[in-house]
Amino acid sequence: MTTEELSSKLKKMYNEAEIGEQVSMIHMFGIKYALEIEESGAAKKDIAIEAEIGESYGTEINKGVKLSRYVQIKDEHKNRF
């Protein structure tokens, strides 16, 4: 995936999140798309900037990518985004 495609998915997840769940959705994005993020070679901060959520959220994306080694998204949430 390109940086544009990844940032588009992140922006959608962030904007459609319930109030108070936005940061959790950033983590979920990192978990769900960890392989694509790593393969893209894009900087996580650049994905966050392009998603228009702020450069500092690149750290939160990175946390999700790291968590992807240890957790899975529940089946009822896999097709949500």
C-alpha atoms as a PDB file:
ATOM      1  CA  MET A   1       0.000   0.000   0.000  1.00  0.00           C
ATOM      2  CA  THR A   2       1.076   3.542  -0.601  1.00  0.00           C
ATOM      3  CA  THR A   3       1.315   6.210   2.067  1.00  0.00           C
ATOM      4  CA  GLU A   4      -1.807   7.803   0.568  1.00  0.00           C
ATOM      5  CA  GLU A   5      -3.801   4.570   0.819  1.00  0.00           C
ATOM      6  CA  LEU A   6      -2.686   3.958   4.384  1.00  0.00           C
ATOM      7  CA  SER A   7      -3.413   7.515   5.473  1.00  0.00           C
ATOM      8  CA  SER A   8      -6.858   7.325   3.874  1.00  0.00           C
ATOM      9  CA  LYS A   9      -7.680   4.205   5.898  1.00  0.00           C
ATOM     10  CA  LEU A  10      -6.346   5.806   9.077  1.00  0.00           C
ATOM     11  CA  LYS A  11      -8.329   8.989   8.499  1.00  0.00           C
ATOM     12  CA  LYS A  12     -11.534   6.976   8.016  1.00  0.00           C
ATOM     13  CA  MET A  13     -10.938   4.920  11.164  1.00  0.00           C
ATOM     14  CA  TYR A  14     -10.142   8.022  13.202  1.00  0.00           C
ATOM     15  CA  ASN A  15     -13.079  10.073  11.942  1.00  0.00           C
ATOM     16  CA  GLU A  16     -15.596   7.255  12.368  1.00  0.00           C
ATOM     17  CA  ALA A  17     -14.435   6.368  15.891  1.00  0.00           C
ATOM     18  CA  GLU A  18     -16.758   6.982  18.800  1.00  0.00           C
ATOM     19  CA  ILE A  19     -15.941   9.950  21.011  1.00  0.00           C
ATOM     20  CA  GLY A  20     -13.084   8.973  23.311  1.00  0.00           C
ATOM     21  CA  GLU A  21     -12.037   6.056  21.100  1.00  0.00           C
ATOM     22  CA  GLN A  22      -9.958   7.899  18.500  1.00  0.00           C
ATOM     23  CA  VAL A  23      -6.559   6.930  19.921  1.00  0.00           C
ATOM     24  CA  SER A  24      -7.712   3.316  20.253  1.00  0.00           C
ATOM     25  CA  MET A  25      -8.574   3.390  16.552  1.00  0.00           C
ATOM     26  CA  ILE A  26      -5.073   4.630  15.752  1.00  0.00           C
ATOM     27  CA  HIS A  27      -3.677   1.655  17.673  1.00  0.00           C
ATOM     28  CA  MET A  28      -6.101  -0.656  15.876  1.00  0.00           C
ATOM     29  CA  PHE A  29      -4.963   0.791  12.543  1.00  0.00           C
ATOM     30  CA  GLY A  30      -1.376  -0.031  13.473  1.00  0.00           C
ATOM     31  CA  ILE A  31      -2.361  -3.561  14.458  1.00  0.00           C
ATOM     32  CA  LYS A  32      -4.525  -4.225  11.412  1.00  0.00           C
ATOM     33  CA  TYR A  33      -2.164  -2.753   8.827  1.00  0.00           C
ATOM     34  CA  ALA A  34       1.204  -3.484  10.481  1.00  0.00           C
ATOM     35  CA  LEU A  35       2.534  -5.540   7.588  1.00  0.00           C
ATOM     36  CA  GLU A  36       1.390  -3.005   4.991  1.00  0.00           C
ATOM     37  CA  ILE A  37       2.886  -0.141   7.012  1.00  0.00           C
ATOM     38  CA  GLU A  38       6.232  -1.890   7.315  1.00  0.00           C
ATOM     39  CA  GLU A  39       6.279  -2.934   3.651  1.00  0.00           C
ATOM     40  CA  SER A  40       5.444   0.593   2.500  1.00  0.00           C
ATOM     41  CA  GLY A  41       8.566   1.983   4.124  1.00  0.00           C
ATOM     42  CA  ALA A  42       6.581   5.088   5.015  1.00  0.00           C
ATOM     43  CA  ALA A  43       7.363   6.938   8.210  1.00  0.00           C
ATOM     44  CA  LYS A  44       4.515   6.581  10.674  1.00  0.00           C
ATOM     45  CA  LYS A  45       4.537  10.325  11.311  1.00  0.00           C
ATOM     46  CA  ASP A  46       4.071  10.920   7.567  1.00  0.00           C
ATOM     47  CA  ILE A  47       1.031   8.626   7.547  1.00  0.00           C
ATOM     48  CA  ALA A  48      -0.404  10.589  10.478  1.00  0.00           C
ATOM     49  CA  ILE A  49       0.319  13.950   8.839  1.00  0.00           C
ATOM     50  CA  GLU A  50      -1.304  12.886   5.581  1.00  0.00           C
ATOM     51  CA  ALA A  51      -4.320  11.568   7.516  1.00  0.00           C
ATOM     52  CA  GLU A  52      -4.617  15.079   8.969  1.00  0.00           C
ATOM     53  CA  ILE A  53      -4.526  13.906  12.573  1.00  0.00           C
ATOM     54  CA  GLY A  54      -1.185  15.376  13.613  1.00  0.00           C
ATOM     55  CA  GLU A  55       2.419  14.286  13.425  1.00  0.00           C
ATOM     56  CA  SER A  56       2.591  13.221  17.074  1.00  0.00           C
ATOM     57  CA  TYR A  57       0.135  10.395  16.395  1.00  0.00           C
ATOM     58  CA  GLY A  58       2.894   8.634  14.459  1.00  0.00           C
ATOM     59  CA  THR A  59       3.992   7.365  17.883  1.00  0.00           C
ATOM     60  CA  GLU A  60       0.548   5.855  18.441  1.00  0.00           C
ATOM     61  CA  ILE A  61       0.675   4.144  15.032  1.00  0.00           C
ATOM     62  CA  ASN A  62       4.038   2.693  16.022  1.00  0.00           C
ATOM     63  CA  LYS A  63       2.555   1.353  19.266  1.00  0.00           C
ATOM     64  CA  GLY A  64      -0.136  -0.440  17.247  1.00  0.00           C
ATOM     65  CA  VAL A  65       2.446  -1.927  14.885  1.00  0.00           C
ATOM     66  CA  LYS A  66       4.425  -3.239  17.855  1.00  0.00           C
ATOM     67  CA  LEU A  67       1.274  -4.623  19.476  1.00  0.00           C
ATOM     68  CA  SER A  68       0.463  -6.512  16.268  1.00  0.00           C
ATOM     69  CA  ARG A  69       3.097  -9.068  17.231  1.00  0.00           C
ATOM     70  CA  TYR A  70       1.086 -10.003  20.319  1.00  0.00           C
ATOM     71  CA  VAL A  71      -2.610  -9.321  19.667  1.00  0.00           C
ATOM     72  CA  GLN A  72      -5.305  -9.957  17.062  1.00  0.00           C
ATOM     73  CA  ILE A  73      -8.399  -7.974  16.171  1.00  0.00           C
ATOM     74  CA  LYS A  74     -11.572  -9.790  17.206  1.00  0.00           C
ATOM     75  CA  ASP A  75     -13.592 -11.280  14.364  1.00  0.00           C
ATOM     76  CA  GLU A  76     -16.540  -8.921  14.929  1.00  0.00           C
ATOM     77  CA  HIS A  77     -14.268  -5.946  14.263  1.00  0.00           C
ATOM     78  CA  LYS A  78     -12.140  -7.240  11.381  1.00  0.00           C
ATOM     79  CA  ASN A  79     -14.395  -6.020   8.581  1.00  0.00           C
ATOM     80  CA  ARG A  80     -15.433  -2.803  10.286  1.00  0.00           C
ATOM     81  CA  PHE A  81     -12.734  -0.790   8.518  1.00  0.00           C
END
